[in-house]
Structures are given as C-alpha cells and as structure tokens.
Protein backbone atom coordinates (compact mmCIF):
# COMPACT_ATOMS: atom_id res chain seq x y z
CA MET A 1 0.00 0.00 0.00
CA ASP A 2 1.23 3.49 -0.83
CA PRO A 3 2.06 5.26 2.45
CA ASN A 4 1.04 8.63 1.02
CA PRO A 5 -2.75 9.10 1.25
CA VAL A 6 -2.66 12.23 -0.90
CA ARG A 7 -1.14 10.26 -3.78
CA LEU A 8 -3.78 7.57 -3.24
CA TRP A 9 -6.52 10.21 -3.28
CA HIS A 10 -5.26 11.75 -6.52
CA HIS A 11 -5.06 8.28 -8.08
CA ALA A 12 -8.67 7.65 -7.02
CA ILE A 13 -9.78 10.92 -8.66
CA GLU A 14 -7.86 10.19 -11.86
CA THR A 15 -9.08 6.60 -12.21
CA ASN A 16 -12.53 7.05 -10.67
CA ASP A 17 -11.67 4.12 -8.39
CA LEU A 18 -11.83 4.69 -4.65
CA SER A 19 -10.74 1.16 -3.62
CA GLY A 20 -7.08 2.01 -2.94
CA PHE A 21 -7.98 5.02 -0.83
CA GLU A 22 -10.67 3.06 1.02
CA ALA A 23 -8.03 0.45 1.91
CA ALA A 24 -5.99 3.25 3.54
CA LEU A 25 -8.84 4.33 5.83
CA ALA A 26 -8.23 3.61 9.51
CA GLU A 27 -10.98 1.61 11.22
CA HIS A 28 -11.78 4.62 13.42
CA ALA A 29 -11.59 7.20 10.58
CA VAL A 30 -13.92 10.21 10.74
CA PHE A 31 -15.62 12.11 7.91
CA GLN A 32 -16.71 15.69 8.56
CA SER A 33 -19.19 17.09 6.07
CA PRO A 34 -20.01 20.75 5.52
CA ALA A 35 -23.67 19.77 5.66
CA VAL A 36 -23.91 17.25 8.51
CA HIS A 37 -23.35 18.48 12.06
CA ALA A 38 -22.16 15.23 13.61
CA PRO A 39 -18.89 13.66 12.42
CA GLN A 40 -19.45 10.36 10.62
CA ALA A 41 -17.18 7.81 12.33
CA GLY A 42 -15.94 4.42 11.19
CA LYS A 43 -14.26 3.15 8.04
CA ALA A 44 -17.48 1.92 6.39
CA LEU A 45 -19.34 5.18 6.98
CA VAL A 46 -16.43 7.33 5.76
CA ALA A 47 -16.19 5.19 2.62
CA LYS A 48 -19.94 5.57 2.06
CA TYR A 49 -19.72 9.38 2.21
CA LEU A 50 -16.65 9.48 -0.01
CA ARG A 51 -18.36 7.27 -2.62
CA ALA A 52 -21.39 9.60 -2.61
CA ALA A 53 -19.14 12.65 -3.00
CA PHE A 54 -17.38 10.89 -5.88
CA ALA A 55 -20.67 10.28 -7.62
CA VAL A 56 -21.69 13.93 -7.23
CA LEU A 57 -18.44 15.82 -7.80
CA ASN A 58 -15.99 13.67 -9.77
CA SER A 59 -16.77 15.02 -13.23
CA PRO A 60 -14.77 16.65 -16.03
CA THR A 61 -15.25 20.04 -14.31
CA PHE A 62 -13.64 18.88 -11.04
CA ARG A 63 -10.05 19.96 -10.47
CA TYR A 64 -7.65 20.67 -7.64
CA VAL A 65 -6.21 24.17 -7.84
CA GLU A 66 -3.85 24.23 -4.85
CA GLU A 67 -2.39 22.01 -2.14
CA TRP A 68 -0.73 22.58 1.22
CA HIS A 69 1.06 19.77 3.04
CA GLY A 70 2.14 19.25 6.63
CA ASP A 71 3.38 16.32 8.66
CA GLY A 72 0.49 13.89 8.54
CA SER A 73 -1.95 16.25 6.85
CA ALA A 74 -2.83 18.03 3.63
CA VAL A 75 -5.32 20.63 2.45
CA LEU A 76 -6.46 20.31 -1.16
CA GLU A 77 -8.45 23.18 -2.65
CA PHE A 78 -10.87 22.19 -5.42
CA GLU A 79 -13.28 23.69 -7.91
CA ALA A 80 -16.12 22.11 -9.83
CA MET A 81 -19.37 22.96 -11.54
CA LEU A 82 -22.71 21.52 -10.49
CA GLY A 83 -24.83 22.55 -13.44
CA ASP A 84 -24.36 26.32 -13.58
CA ILE A 85 -23.18 26.59 -9.96
CA HIS A 86 -19.50 27.10 -9.24
CA VAL A 87 -18.28 25.08 -6.25
CA ASN A 88 -15.13 26.02 -4.36
CA GLY A 89 -13.96 23.94 -1.44
CA VAL A 90 -11.22 22.18 0.43
CA ASP A 91 -10.54 18.61 1.43
CA ILE A 92 -8.54 18.33 4.64
CA ILE A 93 -6.94 14.92 4.98
CA ARG A 94 -5.12 13.72 8.11
CA TRP A 95 -3.29 10.42 8.53
CA ASN A 96 -1.36 8.57 11.21
CA GLY A 97 2.25 7.37 11.22
CA ASP A 98 1.24 4.19 9.40
CA GLY A 99 -0.23 6.19 6.50
CA GLN A 100 -3.81 5.34 7.48
CA VAL A 101 -6.34 8.12 6.93
CA VAL A 102 -7.86 9.11 10.26
CA SER A 103 -9.82 12.18 9.19
CA PHE A 104 -11.34 13.57 5.99
CA LYS A 105 -13.01 16.98 6.31
CA VAL A 106 -14.73 18.87 3.49
CA MET A 107 -15.59 22.58 3.45
CA VAL A 108 -17.55 24.18 0.59
CA ARG A 109 -18.50 27.66 -0.48
CA PRO A 110 -20.51 29.67 -1.52
CA ILE A 111 -23.79 28.92 0.22
CA ARG A 112 -25.59 28.29 -3.08
CA ALA A 113 -23.01 25.61 -3.92
CA LEU A 114 -23.33 24.09 -0.46
CA ASN A 115 -27.13 23.95 -0.70
CA THR A 116 -26.92 22.26 -4.11
CA LEU A 117 -24.29 19.82 -2.86
CA VAL A 118 -26.41 18.94 0.19
CA ALA A 119 -29.39 18.04 -2.02
CA LEU A 120 -27.30 16.00 -4.46
CA MET A 121 -25.34 14.20 -1.71
CA GLY A 122 -28.57 13.40 0.14
CA ALA A 123 -30.06 11.86 -2.99
CA GLU A 124 -26.86 9.88 -3.66
CA LEU A 125 -26.69 8.58 -0.08
CA ARG A 126 -30.33 7.49 -0.25
CA ARG A 127 -29.67 5.79 -3.60
CA GLY A 128 -26.75 3.93 -1.98
CA GLU A 129 -29.05 2.64 0.77
CA ALA A 130 -31.66 1.34 -1.65
C-alpha cells in the first residue's frame, strides 16, 4: 500500500476508483461534512460518504487548484461545476504514522453551492441505501 494518502486520493480521482484510498482508511476514521453536524465515524461510513461525493463531484469540471502539506496532513483546494453553480472547497486529509487516513473533512463555499451539494449528496446517499 502506498504510504502517502494524498497520492492515493489523486489516483482515485484520476481513475474514478476509490478502492485504494478506502483500503488506507483507519478503522476509526472520521468524515466531517459541511452539511452534517455530527462527524461520521468508522471506516465503512467514511467510505460511504466518499463514494457519494465521488458520484456527485468527480466530473470533467472537477479539479484541484492548490495544495498545502504538513506532517500527517494536507489541504487540497478544489473547484467544480454543479450545473451552472461554481463550487469552491477544500478537502482536509489527516493520517497517522502508518499512513492510514484518520480524518477527511470537506468545506464548501458559496452557500448556493453548499445547498446544491447537500441536495445531491442526500439523494446519492439514499440511492446507496436502496
């Protein structure tokens, strides 16, 4: 397994295959959504949210525009279009010394983009439960 979760994440985006990144999730990983108050904890739940986000955002308009790296963390700024709505946001990824992802936080702006994303993510999550 690649010890660099950011490289794994970029590979997932490029190939539209989340399996390698999902394998790097720690069992106690946490997903923090800009739309859901409570953190979503546990590998399976984090993977579920990431798959829904993939379905909604991973399109030809999605691109990362900047990255900042620290020891055990990275911030990746992205842009995408949802119809005619411009989305600007950041993914904040944290990992432990073993390269396992322990936290994935997403922040989105402007409010119109967030509201659209909430509706689309909700529909995708419900579709995944069906």
